[in-house]
Amino acid sequence: IKIVSDNQDNPSTQIKPARVSQWVSDALPIIEKMAQQLSELASLDQATMMPYYTEIVDQWHFTSSERLQLKSLLNKRAVLIKHKPLNLNALSQTSAKEVLQCLREEIETQAFGGF
């Protein structure tokens, strides 16, 4: 999370401690939410972290690299979208690449989706 930024319009010589304190204070809700999500991710066990993995790899052919991507995306989804079950019937994709892209798009719509 970038809180302080200097550039041509805002040189570092113009950044004052009081303003930095305000920027950090303004960013605290985002920092706290991200810390909570990271804590939840760390506490998940393997079974919880990859729901749907077996069902998905049984339906589509994934290369080894794509399986790693799938695991990563399902882990992110388990933290960011835990309240919404994944509807496997709605995945009308015809290839593993399309399934991965669908998951990426769903995750990117969430706060911190790109972490």
N, C-alpha and C. Protein backbone atom coordinates (compact mmCIF):
# COMPACT_ATOMS: atom_id res chain seq x y z
N ILE A 1 0.86 -1.17 0.00
CA ILE A 1 0.00 0.00 0.00
C ILE A 1 0.90 1.23 0.00
N LYS A 2 0.71 2.04 -0.97
CA LYS A 2 1.50 3.27 -1.07
C LYS A 2 0.74 4.38 -0.36
N ILE A 3 1.38 4.96 0.64
CA ILE A 3 0.73 6.01 1.41
C ILE A 3 1.33 7.37 1.09
N VAL A 4 2.65 7.42 0.96
CA VAL A 4 3.36 8.67 0.69
C VAL A 4 4.00 8.57 -0.67
N SER A 5 3.83 9.60 -1.48
CA SER A 5 4.41 9.60 -2.81
C SER A 5 4.95 10.98 -3.13
N ASP A 6 6.19 11.01 -3.56
CA ASP A 6 6.73 12.27 -4.04
C ASP A 6 6.88 12.17 -5.55
N ASN A 7 6.72 13.30 -6.21
CA ASN A 7 6.86 13.37 -7.65
C ASN A 7 7.18 14.80 -8.03
N GLN A 8 7.12 15.12 -9.33
CA GLN A 8 7.46 16.48 -9.76
C GLN A 8 6.53 17.52 -9.15
N ASP A 9 5.27 17.19 -9.02
CA ASP A 9 4.31 18.14 -8.46
C ASP A 9 4.37 18.22 -6.94
N ASN A 10 4.87 17.16 -6.29
CA ASN A 10 4.94 17.09 -4.83
C ASN A 10 6.32 16.59 -4.42
N PRO A 11 7.33 17.45 -4.44
CA PRO A 11 8.67 17.00 -4.07
C PRO A 11 8.75 16.61 -2.59
N SER A 12 9.69 15.74 -2.29
CA SER A 12 9.82 15.24 -0.92
C SER A 12 10.12 16.35 0.08
N THR A 13 10.69 17.45 -0.37
CA THR A 13 10.99 18.57 0.54
C THR A 13 9.72 19.24 1.05
N GLN A 14 8.60 19.02 0.36
CA GLN A 14 7.34 19.63 0.78
C GLN A 14 6.49 18.70 1.65
N ILE A 15 6.95 17.48 1.84
CA ILE A 15 6.20 16.54 2.66
C ILE A 15 6.51 16.80 4.13
N LYS A 16 5.47 17.07 4.89
CA LYS A 16 5.61 17.42 6.31
C LYS A 16 5.13 16.26 7.18
N PRO A 17 5.74 16.10 8.37
CA PRO A 17 5.34 15.01 9.27
C PRO A 17 3.85 14.98 9.60
N ALA A 18 3.26 16.11 9.81
CA ALA A 18 1.83 16.14 10.16
C ALA A 18 0.98 15.61 9.00
N ARG A 19 1.38 15.93 7.78
CA ARG A 19 0.63 15.46 6.60
C ARG A 19 0.79 13.95 6.43
N VAL A 20 2.01 13.44 6.70
CA VAL A 20 2.24 12.00 6.62
C VAL A 20 1.37 11.28 7.65
N SER A 21 1.30 11.83 8.86
CA SER A 21 0.45 11.25 9.90
C SER A 21 -1.00 11.19 9.45
N GLN A 22 -1.46 12.24 8.78
CA GLN A 22 -2.84 12.26 8.28
C GLN A 22 -3.04 11.21 7.19
N TRP A 23 -2.08 11.07 6.28
CA TRP A 23 -2.18 10.08 5.21
C TRP A 23 -2.24 8.66 5.79
N VAL A 24 -1.40 8.40 6.78
CA VAL A 24 -1.39 7.08 7.41
C VAL A 24 -2.72 6.84 8.11
N SER A 25 -3.19 7.84 8.82
CA SER A 25 -4.48 7.73 9.51
C SER A 25 -5.61 7.46 8.52
N ASP A 26 -5.59 8.14 7.39
CA ASP A 26 -6.62 7.93 6.36
C ASP A 26 -6.57 6.53 5.77
N ALA A 27 -5.37 5.94 5.72
CA ALA A 27 -5.19 4.62 5.11
C ALA A 27 -5.44 3.47 6.10
N LEU A 28 -5.58 3.75 7.38
CA LEU A 28 -5.73 2.69 8.38
C LEU A 28 -6.89 1.73 8.12
N PRO A 29 -8.07 2.20 7.71
CA PRO A 29 -9.15 1.23 7.44
C PRO A 29 -8.77 0.21 6.35
N ILE A 30 -8.10 0.67 5.31
CA ILE A 30 -7.67 -0.24 4.24
C ILE A 30 -6.60 -1.19 4.76
N ILE A 31 -5.66 -0.67 5.52
CA ILE A 31 -4.60 -1.50 6.08
C ILE A 31 -5.18 -2.56 7.01
N GLU A 32 -6.13 -2.16 7.85
CA GLU A 32 -6.75 -3.11 8.79
C GLU A 32 -7.52 -4.19 8.05
N LYS A 33 -8.23 -3.81 6.99
CA LYS A 33 -8.98 -4.81 6.22
C LYS A 33 -8.03 -5.79 5.54
N MET A 34 -6.95 -5.28 4.98
CA MET A 34 -5.98 -6.16 4.33
C MET A 34 -5.32 -7.08 5.35
N ALA A 35 -4.99 -6.56 6.52
CA ALA A 35 -4.39 -7.38 7.58
C ALA A 35 -5.35 -8.48 8.03
N GLN A 36 -6.63 -8.15 8.13
CA GLN A 36 -7.63 -9.16 8.51
C GLN A 36 -7.70 -10.25 7.46
N GLN A 37 -7.73 -9.88 6.18
CA GLN A 37 -7.81 -10.88 5.12
C GLN A 37 -6.55 -11.75 5.07
N LEU A 38 -5.39 -11.16 5.27
CA LEU A 38 -4.16 -11.95 5.30
C LEU A 38 -4.15 -12.90 6.49
N SER A 39 -4.67 -12.46 7.62
CA SER A 39 -4.75 -13.31 8.80
C SER A 39 -5.68 -14.49 8.54
N GLU A 40 -6.80 -14.23 7.89
CA GLU A 40 -7.73 -15.31 7.55
C GLU A 40 -7.09 -16.31 6.59
N LEU A 41 -6.36 -15.80 5.63
CA LEU A 41 -5.68 -16.68 4.68
C LEU A 41 -4.67 -17.56 5.39
N ALA A 42 -3.93 -17.00 6.32
CA ALA A 42 -2.92 -17.76 7.05
C ALA A 42 -3.54 -18.84 7.93
N SER A 43 -4.76 -18.62 8.39
CA SER A 43 -5.38 -19.58 9.31
C SER A 43 -6.16 -20.70 8.61
N LEU A 44 -6.33 -20.58 7.32
CA LEU A 44 -7.09 -21.60 6.61
C LEU A 44 -6.29 -22.89 6.50
N ASP A 45 -6.97 -24.02 6.60
CA ASP A 45 -6.29 -25.29 6.38
C ASP A 45 -6.38 -25.63 4.89
N GLN A 46 -5.62 -26.61 4.45
CA GLN A 46 -5.55 -26.94 3.03
C GLN A 46 -6.91 -27.28 2.44
N ALA A 47 -7.73 -28.01 3.13
CA ALA A 47 -9.03 -28.40 2.59
C ALA A 47 -9.90 -27.17 2.34
N THR A 48 -9.84 -26.21 3.23
CA THR A 48 -10.63 -25.00 3.08
C THR A 48 -10.06 -24.10 2.00
N MET A 49 -8.76 -24.12 1.85
CA MET A 49 -8.13 -23.20 0.92
C MET A 49 -8.42 -23.55 -0.53
N MET A 50 -8.72 -24.77 -0.82
CA MET A 50 -8.94 -25.13 -2.22
C MET A 50 -10.27 -25.83 -2.44
N PRO A 51 -11.36 -25.19 -2.03
CA PRO A 51 -12.63 -25.81 -2.35
C PRO A 51 -12.82 -25.82 -3.86
N TYR A 52 -13.48 -26.82 -4.35
CA TYR A 52 -13.81 -26.95 -5.76
C TYR A 52 -12.65 -27.44 -6.63
N TYR A 53 -11.46 -27.55 -6.09
CA TYR A 53 -10.30 -27.91 -6.92
C TYR A 53 -10.52 -29.23 -7.64
N THR A 54 -10.89 -30.28 -6.91
CA THR A 54 -11.05 -31.61 -7.52
C THR A 54 -12.15 -31.60 -8.57
N GLU A 55 -13.27 -30.96 -8.25
CA GLU A 55 -14.37 -30.90 -9.21
C GLU A 55 -13.95 -30.20 -10.50
N ILE A 56 -13.18 -29.13 -10.36
CA ILE A 56 -12.77 -28.36 -11.54
C ILE A 56 -11.78 -29.14 -12.39
N VAL A 57 -10.77 -29.74 -11.77
CA VAL A 57 -9.77 -30.46 -12.58
C VAL A 57 -10.36 -31.73 -13.18
N ASP A 58 -11.46 -32.22 -12.61
CA ASP A 58 -12.13 -33.38 -13.21
C ASP A 58 -12.93 -32.98 -14.45
N GLN A 59 -13.36 -31.73 -14.52
CA GLN A 59 -14.19 -31.28 -15.64
C GLN A 59 -13.39 -30.76 -16.83
N TRP A 60 -12.23 -30.16 -16.57
CA TRP A 60 -11.43 -29.56 -17.64
C TRP A 60 -10.00 -30.08 -17.55
N HIS A 61 -9.30 -30.08 -18.67
CA HIS A 61 -7.91 -30.51 -18.69
C HIS A 61 -7.01 -29.33 -18.36
N PHE A 62 -6.24 -29.45 -17.27
CA PHE A 62 -5.31 -28.41 -16.83
C PHE A 62 -3.88 -28.93 -16.95
N THR A 63 -2.99 -28.11 -17.48
CA THR A 63 -1.57 -28.45 -17.47
C THR A 63 -1.08 -28.29 -16.03
N SER A 64 0.14 -28.72 -15.77
CA SER A 64 0.70 -28.57 -14.42
C SER A 64 0.75 -27.10 -14.02
N SER A 65 1.16 -26.26 -14.94
CA SER A 65 1.22 -24.83 -14.66
C SER A 65 -0.17 -24.26 -14.38
N GLU A 66 -1.14 -24.68 -15.16
CA GLU A 66 -2.51 -24.21 -14.95
C GLU A 66 -3.08 -24.70 -13.63
N ARG A 67 -2.69 -25.89 -13.20
CA ARG A 67 -3.15 -26.40 -11.89
C ARG A 67 -2.61 -25.52 -10.76
N LEU A 68 -1.37 -25.09 -10.89
CA LEU A 68 -0.80 -24.19 -9.87
C LEU A 68 -1.55 -22.86 -9.87
N GLN A 69 -1.85 -22.35 -11.06
CA GLN A 69 -2.62 -21.10 -11.15
C GLN A 69 -4.00 -21.28 -10.54
N LEU A 70 -4.63 -22.42 -10.82
CA LEU A 70 -5.95 -22.70 -10.27
C LEU A 70 -5.92 -22.72 -8.75
N LYS A 71 -4.93 -23.39 -8.17
CA LYS A 71 -4.81 -23.44 -6.71
C LYS A 71 -4.68 -22.03 -6.14
N SER A 72 -3.83 -21.23 -6.76
CA SER A 72 -3.63 -19.86 -6.29
C SER A 72 -4.93 -19.05 -6.37
N LEU A 73 -5.63 -19.16 -7.49
CA LEU A 73 -6.88 -18.41 -7.65
C LEU A 73 -7.95 -18.88 -6.67
N LEU A 74 -8.04 -20.19 -6.45
CA LEU A 74 -9.04 -20.69 -5.50
C LEU A 74 -8.70 -20.26 -4.07
N ASN A 75 -7.41 -20.20 -3.75
CA ASN A 75 -7.01 -19.71 -2.42
C ASN A 75 -7.42 -18.25 -2.24
N LYS A 76 -7.16 -17.43 -3.25
CA LYS A 76 -7.55 -16.02 -3.17
C LYS A 76 -9.06 -15.89 -3.04
N ARG A 77 -9.77 -16.67 -3.85
CA ARG A 77 -11.22 -16.62 -3.82
C ARG A 77 -11.77 -17.03 -2.46
N ALA A 78 -11.15 -18.03 -1.83
CA ALA A 78 -11.60 -18.51 -0.52
C ALA A 78 -11.55 -17.40 0.53
N VAL A 79 -10.61 -16.48 0.38
CA VAL A 79 -10.49 -15.37 1.33
C VAL A 79 -11.38 -14.20 0.92
N LEU A 80 -11.33 -13.84 -0.35
CA LEU A 80 -12.02 -12.63 -0.79
C LEU A 80 -13.52 -12.80 -1.01
N ILE A 81 -13.93 -14.01 -1.38
CA ILE A 81 -15.34 -14.22 -1.73
C ILE A 81 -15.88 -15.42 -0.97
N LYS A 82 -15.55 -15.51 0.30
CA LYS A 82 -15.94 -16.68 1.09
C LYS A 82 -17.44 -16.79 1.29
N HIS A 83 -18.15 -15.68 1.17
CA HIS A 83 -19.59 -15.66 1.39
C HIS A 83 -20.39 -16.17 0.19
N LYS A 84 -19.73 -16.36 -0.96
CA LYS A 84 -20.45 -16.74 -2.18
C LYS A 84 -19.91 -18.06 -2.72
N PRO A 85 -20.70 -19.11 -2.70
CA PRO A 85 -20.23 -20.38 -3.26
C PRO A 85 -19.97 -20.25 -4.76
N LEU A 86 -19.00 -21.00 -5.22
CA LEU A 86 -18.69 -21.02 -6.65
C LEU A 86 -19.70 -21.93 -7.34
N ASN A 87 -20.38 -21.39 -8.33
CA ASN A 87 -21.37 -22.16 -9.08
C ASN A 87 -20.67 -22.83 -10.26
N LEU A 88 -20.32 -24.10 -10.10
CA LEU A 88 -19.61 -24.82 -11.15
C LEU A 88 -20.46 -24.97 -12.41
N ASN A 89 -21.77 -25.04 -12.25
CA ASN A 89 -22.65 -25.15 -13.41
C ASN A 89 -22.63 -23.88 -14.26
N ALA A 90 -22.33 -22.76 -13.63
CA ALA A 90 -22.29 -21.50 -14.36
C ALA A 90 -21.00 -21.35 -15.16
N LEU A 91 -20.00 -22.17 -14.84
CA LEU A 91 -18.76 -22.12 -15.60
C LEU A 91 -18.98 -22.85 -16.92
N SER A 92 -19.36 -22.10 -17.91
CA SER A 92 -19.66 -22.70 -19.21
C SER A 92 -18.44 -22.69 -20.12
N GLN A 93 -17.28 -22.40 -19.55
CA GLN A 93 -16.07 -22.32 -20.33
C GLN A 93 -15.75 -23.67 -20.96
N THR A 94 -15.09 -23.61 -22.08
CA THR A 94 -14.76 -24.83 -22.79
C THR A 94 -13.33 -25.27 -22.58
N SER A 95 -12.54 -24.44 -21.90
CA SER A 95 -11.15 -24.81 -21.67
C SER A 95 -10.69 -24.37 -20.29
N ALA A 96 -9.60 -24.95 -19.85
CA ALA A 96 -9.02 -24.59 -18.56
C ALA A 96 -8.61 -23.12 -18.55
N LYS A 97 -8.06 -22.64 -19.65
CA LYS A 97 -7.65 -21.24 -19.73
C LYS A 97 -8.83 -20.31 -19.49
N GLU A 98 -9.98 -20.66 -20.04
CA GLU A 98 -11.17 -19.83 -19.85
C GLU A 98 -11.68 -19.90 -18.41
N VAL A 99 -11.57 -21.05 -17.78
CA VAL A 99 -11.96 -21.18 -16.37
C VAL A 99 -11.07 -20.28 -15.52
N LEU A 100 -9.77 -20.33 -15.77
CA LEU A 100 -8.82 -19.49 -15.02
C LEU A 100 -9.15 -18.01 -15.22
N GLN A 101 -9.43 -17.63 -16.44
CA GLN A 101 -9.75 -16.23 -16.73
C GLN A 101 -11.03 -15.81 -16.02
N CYS A 102 -12.01 -16.67 -15.99
CA CYS A 102 -13.28 -16.38 -15.29
C CYS A 102 -13.02 -16.15 -13.80
N LEU A 103 -12.19 -16.99 -13.19
CA LEU A 103 -11.86 -16.83 -11.77
C LEU A 103 -11.08 -15.53 -11.54
N ARG A 104 -10.13 -15.23 -12.43
CA ARG A 104 -9.36 -13.97 -12.31
C ARG A 104 -10.29 -12.76 -12.33
N GLU A 105 -11.21 -12.77 -13.27
CA GLU A 105 -12.13 -11.64 -13.39
C GLU A 105 -13.01 -11.49 -12.15
N GLU A 106 -13.47 -12.61 -11.61
CA GLU A 106 -14.29 -12.55 -10.40
C GLU A 106 -13.49 -11.99 -9.23
N ILE A 107 -12.24 -12.42 -9.09
CA ILE A 107 -11.39 -11.97 -7.99
C ILE A 107 -11.03 -10.50 -8.14
N GLU A 108 -10.75 -10.06 -9.36
CA GLU A 108 -10.33 -8.68 -9.58
C GLU A 108 -11.41 -7.67 -9.24
N THR A 109 -12.67 -8.10 -9.20
CA THR A 109 -13.74 -7.17 -8.84
C THR A 109 -13.82 -6.94 -7.33
N GLN A 110 -13.07 -7.71 -6.56
CA GLN A 110 -13.09 -7.59 -5.10
C GLN A 110 -12.01 -6.62 -4.62
N ALA A 111 -12.21 -6.06 -3.45
CA ALA A 111 -11.18 -5.24 -2.82
C ALA A 111 -9.96 -6.11 -2.58
N PHE A 112 -8.79 -5.63 -2.91
CA PHE A 112 -7.53 -6.35 -2.76
C PHE A 112 -7.46 -7.57 -3.65
N GLY A 113 -8.21 -7.62 -4.69
CA GLY A 113 -8.20 -8.75 -5.59
C GLY A 113 -6.88 -9.05 -6.22
N GLY A 114 -6.05 -8.06 -6.36
CA GLY A 114 -4.76 -8.27 -6.97
C GLY A 114 -3.63 -8.59 -6.04
N PHE A 115 -3.94 -8.86 -4.75
CA PHE A 115 -2.82 -9.11 -3.82
C PHE A 115 -2.12 -10.39 -4.14
